[in-house]
Amino acid sequence: MTITPSDDFPQQLAATVPNLRAFARSLCGNVHHADDLVQETLVKAWKHRASFQPGTHLKAWLFTILRNSFLSEKRSRKLEVEDAEGTFAARMSVEGEQNGHMDLLDFAKALDLLAADQREALILIGAEGFSYEEAAQLCGCAVGTIKSRVSRARSRLEELLQVGDEKVDRTPSSVEAGS
């Protein structure tokens, strides 16, 4: 079907719809998807009607638009995963980073509440990586004293931070309620 300047473009488009639908169905295999593809093709053709050269084959031009739309869609869908129930999305989500920052602030406050000797022992062993023997030597006390201070410091931190058997709820509503 060729179009000349005297032909009516909208009527020519309408006349090709059955052929476009048949071609789209052969590509998609799904009636509803094919109809969407035909509609997208007609919208693109209408939008770019000024680029159609009168005297050329309108049906071939439309089939090219339809085929290119189908292939573009297929390429983009290759990267997508159907996840109607949100299973994959839930596994890919990441907890907000602000909770980590708030946990660090809570830890710093709790650490400041420890007795000086407990805080010193915990930092030497936990943060600086000294052995109990090295920490005892630095503090000028027995190894057992360092172990006791570290143990009491850890217990007190668990108590202050409410960790252990129960999990700390860091949702915005629980943080606001606790303020």
N, C-alpha and C. Protein backbone atom coordinates (compact mmCIF):
# COMPACT_ATOMS: atom_id res chain seq x y z
N MET A 1 0.85 -1.16 0.00
CA MET A 1 0.00 0.00 0.00
C MET A 1 0.89 1.23 0.00
N THR A 2 0.78 2.07 -1.00
CA THR A 2 1.57 3.29 -1.04
C THR A 2 0.66 4.47 -0.77
N ILE A 3 1.26 5.49 -0.26
CA ILE A 3 0.48 6.68 0.08
C ILE A 3 0.96 7.83 -0.80
N THR A 4 0.04 8.61 -1.23
CA THR A 4 0.38 9.79 -2.02
C THR A 4 -0.08 10.99 -1.22
N PRO A 5 0.38 12.18 -1.58
CA PRO A 5 -0.01 13.38 -0.84
C PRO A 5 -1.52 13.58 -0.77
N SER A 6 -2.27 13.07 -1.70
CA SER A 6 -3.72 13.27 -1.69
C SER A 6 -4.44 12.25 -0.82
N ASP A 7 -3.74 11.17 -0.43
CA ASP A 7 -4.38 10.14 0.39
C ASP A 7 -4.58 10.62 1.81
N ASP A 8 -5.51 9.99 2.50
CA ASP A 8 -5.81 10.35 3.88
C ASP A 8 -5.01 9.42 4.82
N PHE A 9 -4.05 9.98 5.51
CA PHE A 9 -3.16 9.21 6.37
C PHE A 9 -3.91 8.42 7.46
N PRO A 10 -4.85 9.03 8.18
CA PRO A 10 -5.56 8.28 9.22
C PRO A 10 -6.32 7.06 8.67
N GLN A 11 -6.93 7.21 7.51
CA GLN A 11 -7.65 6.08 6.91
C GLN A 11 -6.67 4.99 6.49
N GLN A 12 -5.52 5.37 6.00
CA GLN A 12 -4.50 4.40 5.60
C GLN A 12 -4.00 3.62 6.83
N LEU A 13 -3.80 4.34 7.95
CA LEU A 13 -3.39 3.67 9.19
C LEU A 13 -4.44 2.67 9.62
N ALA A 14 -5.70 3.10 9.62
CA ALA A 14 -6.80 2.23 10.05
C ALA A 14 -6.90 0.99 9.18
N ALA A 15 -6.61 1.12 7.91
CA ALA A 15 -6.72 -0.01 6.99
C ALA A 15 -5.66 -1.08 7.26
N THR A 16 -4.55 -0.69 7.87
CA THR A 16 -3.47 -1.66 8.13
C THR A 16 -3.60 -2.36 9.48
N VAL A 17 -4.54 -1.94 10.31
CA VAL A 17 -4.67 -2.51 11.66
C VAL A 17 -4.82 -4.03 11.65
N PRO A 18 -5.68 -4.64 10.82
CA PRO A 18 -5.78 -6.10 10.84
C PRO A 18 -4.45 -6.79 10.52
N ASN A 19 -3.72 -6.24 9.56
CA ASN A 19 -2.41 -6.83 9.22
C ASN A 19 -1.41 -6.65 10.36
N LEU A 20 -1.43 -5.49 11.00
CA LEU A 20 -0.54 -5.24 12.12
C LEU A 20 -0.84 -6.19 13.28
N ARG A 21 -2.14 -6.40 13.54
CA ARG A 21 -2.54 -7.30 14.63
C ARG A 21 -2.08 -8.73 14.36
N ALA A 22 -2.23 -9.16 13.14
CA ALA A 22 -1.80 -10.53 12.79
C ALA A 22 -0.28 -10.67 12.94
N PHE A 23 0.45 -9.68 12.48
CA PHE A 23 1.90 -9.72 12.60
C PHE A 23 2.33 -9.67 14.07
N ALA A 24 1.69 -8.81 14.84
CA ALA A 24 2.02 -8.69 16.27
C ALA A 24 1.72 -9.99 17.01
N ARG A 25 0.60 -10.63 16.70
CA ARG A 25 0.27 -11.91 17.33
C ARG A 25 1.29 -12.99 16.98
N SER A 26 1.78 -12.96 15.76
CA SER A 26 2.79 -13.96 15.38
C SER A 26 4.10 -13.72 16.13
N LEU A 27 4.39 -12.48 16.47
CA LEU A 27 5.61 -12.18 17.21
C LEU A 27 5.44 -12.49 18.70
N CYS A 28 4.31 -12.07 19.27
CA CYS A 28 4.11 -12.16 20.72
C CYS A 28 3.55 -13.49 21.19
N GLY A 29 2.58 -14.00 20.46
CA GLY A 29 1.90 -15.20 20.90
C GLY A 29 0.84 -14.91 21.95
N ASN A 30 0.56 -13.65 22.21
CA ASN A 30 -0.41 -13.25 23.22
C ASN A 30 -1.28 -12.15 22.62
N VAL A 31 -2.59 -12.37 22.61
CA VAL A 31 -3.52 -11.42 21.97
C VAL A 31 -3.46 -10.04 22.63
N HIS A 32 -3.46 -10.02 23.96
CA HIS A 32 -3.48 -8.73 24.66
C HIS A 32 -2.17 -7.97 24.46
N HIS A 33 -1.08 -8.69 24.53
CA HIS A 33 0.22 -8.05 24.30
C HIS A 33 0.32 -7.57 22.86
N ALA A 34 -0.20 -8.34 21.93
CA ALA A 34 -0.18 -7.95 20.51
C ALA A 34 -0.99 -6.68 20.29
N ASP A 35 -2.15 -6.59 20.91
CA ASP A 35 -2.97 -5.38 20.77
C ASP A 35 -2.25 -4.16 21.34
N ASP A 36 -1.56 -4.34 22.47
CA ASP A 36 -0.78 -3.23 23.04
C ASP A 36 0.33 -2.81 22.09
N LEU A 37 0.96 -3.78 21.47
CA LEU A 37 2.04 -3.50 20.53
C LEU A 37 1.52 -2.76 19.30
N VAL A 38 0.37 -3.15 18.80
CA VAL A 38 -0.24 -2.46 17.65
C VAL A 38 -0.57 -1.02 18.03
N GLN A 39 -1.14 -0.85 19.22
CA GLN A 39 -1.48 0.49 19.67
C GLN A 39 -0.23 1.36 19.77
N GLU A 40 0.83 0.81 20.34
CA GLU A 40 2.09 1.54 20.45
C GLU A 40 2.63 1.90 19.06
N THR A 41 2.50 0.97 18.12
CA THR A 41 2.95 1.22 16.75
C THR A 41 2.17 2.35 16.12
N LEU A 42 0.86 2.35 16.29
CA LEU A 42 0.03 3.40 15.70
C LEU A 42 0.33 4.76 16.32
N VAL A 43 0.58 4.77 17.63
CA VAL A 43 0.92 6.04 18.30
C VAL A 43 2.25 6.57 17.77
N LYS A 44 3.22 5.69 17.65
CA LYS A 44 4.53 6.11 17.13
C LYS A 44 4.41 6.59 15.68
N ALA A 45 3.63 5.87 14.88
CA ALA A 45 3.45 6.26 13.48
C ALA A 45 2.79 7.63 13.39
N TRP A 46 1.79 7.84 14.22
CA TRP A 46 1.08 9.13 14.19
C TRP A 46 2.02 10.25 14.65
N LYS A 47 2.78 9.98 15.67
CA LYS A 47 3.71 10.97 16.20
C LYS A 47 4.79 11.34 15.18
N HIS A 48 5.21 10.37 14.40
CA HIS A 48 6.29 10.58 13.43
C HIS A 48 5.78 10.59 11.98
N ARG A 49 4.51 10.92 11.80
CA ARG A 49 3.93 10.88 10.46
C ARG A 49 4.63 11.83 9.49
N ALA A 50 5.23 12.87 10.02
CA ALA A 50 5.93 13.82 9.14
C ALA A 50 7.18 13.17 8.53
N SER A 51 7.71 12.14 9.18
CA SER A 51 8.92 11.50 8.64
C SER A 51 8.57 10.43 7.59
N PHE A 52 7.28 10.09 7.46
CA PHE A 52 6.89 9.13 6.42
C PHE A 52 6.96 9.82 5.06
N GLN A 53 7.60 9.16 4.14
CA GLN A 53 7.75 9.74 2.81
C GLN A 53 6.62 9.25 1.91
N PRO A 54 5.76 10.17 1.47
CA PRO A 54 4.67 9.77 0.56
C PRO A 54 5.23 9.09 -0.68
N GLY A 55 4.50 8.10 -1.12
CA GLY A 55 4.91 7.35 -2.30
C GLY A 55 5.66 6.08 -1.93
N THR A 56 5.98 5.91 -0.63
CA THR A 56 6.63 4.68 -0.19
C THR A 56 5.58 3.76 0.41
N HIS A 57 5.98 2.60 0.79
CA HIS A 57 5.08 1.55 1.25
C HIS A 57 4.74 1.76 2.74
N LEU A 58 3.52 2.22 3.04
CA LEU A 58 3.08 2.51 4.40
C LEU A 58 3.08 1.25 5.26
N LYS A 59 2.60 0.16 4.72
CA LYS A 59 2.51 -1.09 5.48
C LYS A 59 3.90 -1.55 5.91
N ALA A 60 4.87 -1.47 5.04
CA ALA A 60 6.24 -1.86 5.38
C ALA A 60 6.80 -0.94 6.47
N TRP A 61 6.49 0.34 6.38
CA TRP A 61 6.95 1.32 7.38
C TRP A 61 6.37 0.98 8.74
N LEU A 62 5.07 0.66 8.77
CA LEU A 62 4.40 0.32 10.02
C LEU A 62 4.91 -1.00 10.59
N PHE A 63 5.13 -1.98 9.72
CA PHE A 63 5.66 -3.27 10.18
C PHE A 63 7.06 -3.10 10.78
N THR A 64 7.85 -2.21 10.20
CA THR A 64 9.18 -1.93 10.72
C THR A 64 9.09 -1.31 12.11
N ILE A 65 8.17 -0.37 12.28
CA ILE A 65 7.96 0.25 13.60
C ILE A 65 7.53 -0.81 14.61
N LEU A 66 6.58 -1.65 14.22
CA LEU A 66 6.07 -2.69 15.12
C LEU A 66 7.19 -3.66 15.52
N ARG A 67 7.93 -4.11 14.54
CA ARG A 67 9.02 -5.08 14.80
C ARG A 67 10.07 -4.46 15.70
N ASN A 68 10.48 -3.22 15.43
CA ASN A 68 11.48 -2.55 16.26
C ASN A 68 10.97 -2.34 17.69
N SER A 69 9.70 -2.01 17.83
CA SER A 69 9.12 -1.85 19.17
C SER A 69 9.14 -3.17 19.92
N PHE A 70 8.78 -4.24 19.22
CA PHE A 70 8.77 -5.56 19.84
C PHE A 70 10.18 -5.95 20.29
N LEU A 71 11.17 -5.75 19.42
CA LEU A 71 12.54 -6.13 19.76
C LEU A 71 13.10 -5.28 20.91
N SER A 72 12.78 -4.00 20.92
CA SER A 72 13.24 -3.13 22.01
C SER A 72 12.64 -3.57 23.34
N GLU A 73 11.36 -3.89 23.30
CA GLU A 73 10.68 -4.37 24.50
C GLU A 73 11.26 -5.69 24.98
N LYS A 74 11.55 -6.56 24.02
CA LYS A 74 12.11 -7.87 24.37
C LYS A 74 13.49 -7.72 25.01
N ARG A 75 14.31 -6.82 24.46
CA ARG A 75 15.64 -6.57 25.04
C ARG A 75 15.52 -6.03 26.45
N SER A 76 14.61 -5.11 26.67
CA SER A 76 14.48 -4.53 28.01
C SER A 76 13.89 -5.54 29.00
N ARG A 77 13.01 -6.41 28.54
CA ARG A 77 12.43 -7.42 29.43
C ARG A 77 13.41 -8.53 29.77
N LYS A 78 14.44 -8.69 28.96
CA LYS A 78 15.44 -9.72 29.24
C LYS A 78 16.10 -9.46 30.59
N LEU A 79 16.18 -8.20 30.96
CA LEU A 79 16.80 -7.82 32.22
C LEU A 79 15.82 -7.85 33.39
N GLU A 80 14.54 -8.00 33.11
CA GLU A 80 13.53 -8.01 34.16
C GLU A 80 13.24 -9.43 34.63
N VAL A 81 12.82 -9.52 35.89
CA VAL A 81 12.41 -10.80 36.47
C VAL A 81 10.99 -10.62 36.97
N GLU A 82 10.10 -11.53 36.57
CA GLU A 82 8.72 -11.44 37.03
C GLU A 82 8.69 -11.76 38.52
N ASP A 83 8.11 -10.84 39.29
CA ASP A 83 8.12 -10.97 40.74
C ASP A 83 6.79 -10.46 41.29
N ALA A 84 5.71 -11.15 40.91
CA ALA A 84 4.37 -10.70 41.29
C ALA A 84 4.18 -10.64 42.80
N GLU A 85 4.80 -11.56 43.54
CA GLU A 85 4.61 -11.59 44.99
C GLU A 85 5.69 -10.83 45.74
N GLY A 86 6.65 -10.25 45.05
CA GLY A 86 7.68 -9.45 45.70
C GLY A 86 8.79 -10.24 46.37
N THR A 87 8.91 -11.52 46.04
CA THR A 87 9.92 -12.37 46.67
C THR A 87 11.33 -11.91 46.36
N PHE A 88 11.61 -11.66 45.08
CA PHE A 88 12.95 -11.22 44.69
C PHE A 88 13.24 -9.82 45.20
N ALA A 89 12.27 -8.95 45.13
CA ALA A 89 12.46 -7.57 45.59
C ALA A 89 12.78 -7.54 47.08
N ALA A 90 12.13 -8.39 47.85
CA ALA A 90 12.39 -8.42 49.29
C ALA A 90 13.82 -8.87 49.58
N ARG A 91 14.33 -9.79 48.79
CA ARG A 91 15.70 -10.27 49.01
C ARG A 91 16.72 -9.23 48.57
N MET A 92 16.34 -8.36 47.65
CA MET A 92 17.28 -7.39 47.13
C MET A 92 17.26 -6.07 47.91
N SER A 93 16.28 -5.90 48.76
CA SER A 93 16.20 -4.65 49.48
C SER A 93 17.28 -4.58 50.55
N VAL A 94 17.67 -3.39 50.86
CA VAL A 94 18.73 -3.16 51.83
C VAL A 94 18.15 -2.26 52.91
N GLU A 95 18.44 -2.60 54.14
CA GLU A 95 17.98 -1.77 55.24
C GLU A 95 18.66 -0.42 55.14
N GLY A 96 17.96 0.61 55.50
CA GLY A 96 18.50 1.96 55.42
C GLY A 96 19.76 2.12 56.24
N GLU A 97 20.68 2.93 55.73
CA GLU A 97 21.95 3.13 56.40
C GLU A 97 21.83 3.96 57.66
N GLN A 98 20.75 4.71 57.79
CA GLN A 98 20.62 5.56 58.96
C GLN A 98 20.55 4.75 60.25
N ASN A 99 20.07 3.52 60.20
CA ASN A 99 20.02 2.69 61.40
C ASN A 99 21.42 2.36 61.89
N GLY A 100 22.34 2.09 60.99
CA GLY A 100 23.72 1.81 61.38
C GLY A 100 24.34 3.00 62.08
N HIS A 101 24.06 4.18 61.57
CA HIS A 101 24.58 5.40 62.19
C HIS A 101 23.98 5.58 63.58
N MET A 102 22.69 5.34 63.70
CA MET A 102 22.03 5.47 65.00
C MET A 102 22.55 4.43 65.98
N ASP A 103 22.80 3.21 65.50
CA ASP A 103 23.37 2.17 66.36
C ASP A 103 24.75 2.59 66.87
N LEU A 104 25.54 3.20 66.00
CA LEU A 104 26.87 3.65 66.40
C LEU A 104 26.77 4.75 67.46
N LEU A 105 25.84 5.67 67.28
CA LEU A 105 25.64 6.72 68.28
C LEU A 105 25.20 6.13 69.62
N ASP A 106 24.28 5.16 69.57
CA ASP A 106 23.83 4.49 70.79
C ASP A 106 24.99 3.77 71.47
N PHE A 107 25.82 3.11 70.68
CA PHE A 107 26.97 2.40 71.24
C PHE A 107 27.94 3.38 71.89
N ALA A 108 28.21 4.51 71.24
CA ALA A 108 29.14 5.50 71.80
C ALA A 108 28.61 6.04 73.14
N LYS A 109 27.31 6.29 73.21
CA LYS A 109 26.72 6.77 74.47
C LYS A 109 26.85 5.71 75.55
N ALA A 110 26.54 4.47 75.20
CA ALA A 110 26.63 3.38 76.17
C ALA A 110 28.07 3.16 76.62
N LEU A 111 29.01 3.27 75.71
CA LEU A 111 30.42 3.10 76.05
C LEU A 111 30.87 4.17 77.04
N ASP A 112 30.36 5.40 76.86
CA ASP A 112 30.70 6.49 77.78
C ASP A 112 30.13 6.25 79.18
N LEU A 113 29.07 5.45 79.28
CA LEU A 113 28.46 5.17 80.59
C LEU A 113 29.20 4.09 81.38
N LEU A 114 30.11 3.38 80.73
CA LEU A 114 30.87 2.33 81.42
C LEU A 114 31.87 2.96 82.39
N ALA A 115 32.22 2.20 83.38
CA ALA A 115 33.29 2.64 84.28
C ALA A 115 34.57 2.75 83.47
N ALA A 116 35.43 3.68 83.85
CA ALA A 116 36.65 3.96 83.08
C ALA A 116 37.52 2.73 82.90
N ASP A 117 37.68 1.93 83.97
CA ASP A 117 38.53 0.75 83.85
C ASP A 117 37.93 -0.32 82.94
N GLN A 118 36.60 -0.43 82.95
CA GLN A 118 35.93 -1.40 82.06
C GLN A 118 36.03 -0.94 80.60
N ARG A 119 35.81 0.36 80.39
CA ARG A 119 35.89 0.92 79.03
C ARG A 119 37.30 0.72 78.47
N GLU A 120 38.31 1.02 79.30
CA GLU A 120 39.70 0.86 78.87
C GLU A 120 40.00 -0.59 78.49
N ALA A 121 39.60 -1.54 79.33
CA ALA A 121 39.85 -2.96 79.07
C ALA A 121 39.14 -3.41 77.80
N LEU A 122 37.88 -3.01 77.64
CA LEU A 122 37.10 -3.41 76.46
C LEU A 122 37.72 -2.85 75.18
N ILE A 123 38.15 -1.62 75.20
CA ILE A 123 38.76 -1.01 74.01
C ILE A 123 40.09 -1.68 73.67
N LEU A 124 40.89 -1.96 74.69
CA LEU A 124 42.18 -2.62 74.44
C LEU A 124 41.98 -4.00 73.81
N ILE A 125 41.04 -4.77 74.34
CA ILE A 125 40.81 -6.13 73.85
C ILE A 125 39.99 -6.12 72.56
N GLY A 126 38.84 -5.42 72.58
CA GLY A 126 37.90 -5.47 71.46
C GLY A 126 38.28 -4.63 70.26
N ALA A 127 38.69 -3.40 70.52
CA ALA A 127 38.95 -2.49 69.41
C ALA A 127 40.40 -2.51 68.94
N GLU A 128 41.33 -2.57 69.89
CA GLU A 128 42.75 -2.50 69.54
C GLU A 128 43.36 -3.85 69.25
N GLY A 129 42.70 -4.92 69.67
CA GLY A 129 43.16 -6.26 69.33
C GLY A 129 44.28 -6.80 70.21
N PHE A 130 44.49 -6.20 71.37
CA PHE A 130 45.51 -6.72 72.28
C PHE A 130 45.04 -8.03 72.89
N SER A 131 45.99 -8.87 73.24
CA SER A 131 45.65 -10.10 73.98
C SER A 131 45.36 -9.70 75.43
N TYR A 132 44.76 -10.61 76.19
CA TYR A 132 44.48 -10.33 77.60
C TYR A 132 45.79 -10.08 78.36
N GLU A 133 46.80 -10.82 78.03
CA GLU A 133 48.10 -10.68 78.70
C GLU A 133 48.70 -9.30 78.41
N GLU A 134 48.63 -8.86 77.14
CA GLU A 134 49.19 -7.56 76.78
C GLU A 134 48.40 -6.43 77.44
N ALA A 135 47.07 -6.57 77.44
CA ALA A 135 46.23 -5.54 78.07
C ALA A 135 46.49 -5.47 79.57
N ALA A 136 46.68 -6.63 80.21
CA ALA A 136 46.96 -6.66 81.65
C ALA A 136 48.28 -5.96 81.93
N GLN A 137 49.24 -6.20 81.10
CA GLN A 137 50.55 -5.57 81.26
C GLN A 137 50.44 -4.06 81.09
N LEU A 138 49.67 -3.60 80.08
CA LEU A 138 49.48 -2.16 79.85
C LEU A 138 48.77 -1.48 81.02
N CYS A 139 47.80 -2.18 81.60
CA CYS A 139 47.01 -1.60 82.70
C CYS A 139 47.67 -1.81 84.07
N GLY A 140 48.69 -2.66 84.11
CA GLY A 140 49.38 -2.92 85.37
C GLY A 140 48.53 -3.72 86.35
N CYS A 141 47.81 -4.71 85.83
CA CYS A 141 46.99 -5.56 86.69
C CYS A 141 47.08 -7.00 86.22
N ALA A 142 46.40 -7.89 86.93
CA ALA A 142 46.43 -9.32 86.61
C ALA A 142 45.56 -9.61 85.37
N VAL A 143 45.88 -10.70 84.69
CA VAL A 143 45.12 -11.11 83.51
C VAL A 143 43.66 -11.37 83.89
N GLY A 144 43.45 -11.98 85.03
CA GLY A 144 42.09 -12.26 85.49
C GLY A 144 41.28 -10.99 85.71
N THR A 145 41.94 -9.94 86.16
CA THR A 145 41.27 -8.65 86.37
C THR A 145 40.81 -8.08 85.02
N ILE A 146 41.67 -8.16 84.01
CA ILE A 146 41.31 -7.67 82.67
C ILE A 146 40.12 -8.47 82.12
N LYS A 147 40.19 -9.79 82.27
CA LYS A 147 39.09 -10.64 81.79
C LYS A 147 37.80 -10.28 82.49
N SER A 148 37.87 -10.03 83.77
CA SER A 148 36.68 -9.65 84.54
C SER A 148 36.12 -8.31 84.07
N ARG A 149 37.00 -7.34 83.86
CA ARG A 149 36.57 -6.01 83.41
C ARG A 149 35.90 -6.09 82.04
N VAL A 150 36.50 -6.86 81.14
CA VAL A 150 35.93 -7.02 79.80
C VAL A 150 34.57 -7.69 79.89
N SER A 151 34.47 -8.73 80.70
CA SER A 151 33.21 -9.44 80.85
C SER A 151 32.12 -8.53 81.41
N ARG A 152 32.45 -7.77 82.46
CA ARG A 152 31.48 -6.85 83.06
C ARG A 152 31.11 -5.73 82.07
N ALA A 153 32.10 -5.27 81.30
CA ALA A 153 31.83 -4.22 80.31
C ALA A 153 30.88 -4.72 79.23
N ARG A 154 31.10 -5.93 78.75
CA ARG A 154 30.21 -6.50 77.72
C ARG A 154 28.81 -6.70 78.26
N SER A 155 28.69 -7.20 79.47
CA SER A 155 27.37 -7.41 80.09
C SER A 155 26.64 -6.08 80.24
N ARG A 156 27.37 -5.06 80.69
CA ARG A 156 26.75 -3.74 80.88
C ARG A 156 26.33 -3.14 79.54
N LEU A 157 27.14 -3.32 78.50
CA LEU A 157 26.76 -2.82 77.18
C LEU A 157 25.51 -3.52 76.67
N GLU A 158 25.43 -4.84 76.84
CA GLU A 158 24.22 -5.57 76.44
C GLU A 158 23.00 -5.02 77.14
N GLU A 159 23.15 -4.73 78.41
CA GLU A 159 22.05 -4.18 79.21
C GLU A 159 21.66 -2.79 78.71
N LEU A 160 22.66 -1.93 78.51
CA LEU A 160 22.39 -0.56 78.06
C LEU A 160 21.80 -0.52 76.65
N LEU A 161 22.27 -1.40 75.79
CA LEU A 161 21.81 -1.41 74.40
C LEU A 161 20.61 -2.33 74.18
N GLN A 162 20.19 -3.01 75.23
CA GLN A 162 19.04 -3.92 75.17
C GLN A 162 19.21 -4.97 74.09
N VAL A 163 20.38 -5.59 74.07
CA VAL A 163 20.63 -6.69 73.14
C VAL A 163 20.73 -7.98 73.92
N GLY A 164 20.67 -9.04 73.18
CA GLY A 164 20.71 -10.36 73.81
C GLY A 164 19.58 -11.19 73.25
N ASP A 165 18.65 -11.58 74.11
CA ASP A 165 17.54 -12.42 73.68
C ASP A 165 16.56 -11.68 72.79
N GLU A 166 16.34 -10.39 73.05
CA GLU A 166 15.38 -9.63 72.24
C GLU A 166 16.12 -8.78 71.23
N LYS A 167 15.49 -8.59 70.09
CA LYS A 167 16.07 -7.82 69.00
C LYS A 167 15.60 -6.38 69.16
N VAL A 168 16.50 -5.42 68.99
CA VAL A 168 16.16 -4.02 69.11
C VAL A 168 15.37 -3.60 67.88
N ASP A 169 14.19 -2.98 68.10
CA ASP A 169 13.34 -2.51 67.01
C ASP A 169 13.76 -1.09 66.65
N ARG A 170 14.24 -0.90 65.43
CA ARG A 170 14.73 0.41 64.99
C ARG A 170 13.80 1.05 63.96
N THR A 171 12.53 0.68 63.98
CA THR A 171 11.61 1.31 63.04
C THR A 171 11.40 2.75 63.48
N PRO A 172 11.06 3.65 62.55
CA PRO A 172 10.89 5.06 62.91
C PRO A 172 9.88 5.25 64.04
N SER A 173 8.79 4.48 64.06
CA SER A 173 7.79 4.68 65.11
C SER A 173 8.33 4.32 66.48
N SER A 174 9.17 3.26 66.57
CA SER A 174 9.70 2.87 67.87
C SER A 174 10.77 3.83 68.34
N VAL A 175 11.52 4.42 67.41
CA VAL A 175 12.54 5.38 67.78
C VAL A 175 11.90 6.65 68.29
N GLU A 176 10.84 7.11 67.59
CA GLU A 176 10.14 8.31 68.01
C GLU A 176 9.46 8.11 69.35
N ALA A 177 8.87 6.93 69.55
CA ALA A 177 8.17 6.66 70.81
C ALA A 177 9.13 6.61 71.97
N GLY A 178 10.35 6.15 71.72
CA GLY A 178 11.35 6.04 72.78
C GLY A 178 12.03 7.35 73.09
N SER A 179 11.84 8.37 72.25
CA SER A 179 12.51 9.66 72.44
C SER A 179 11.89 10.44 73.54
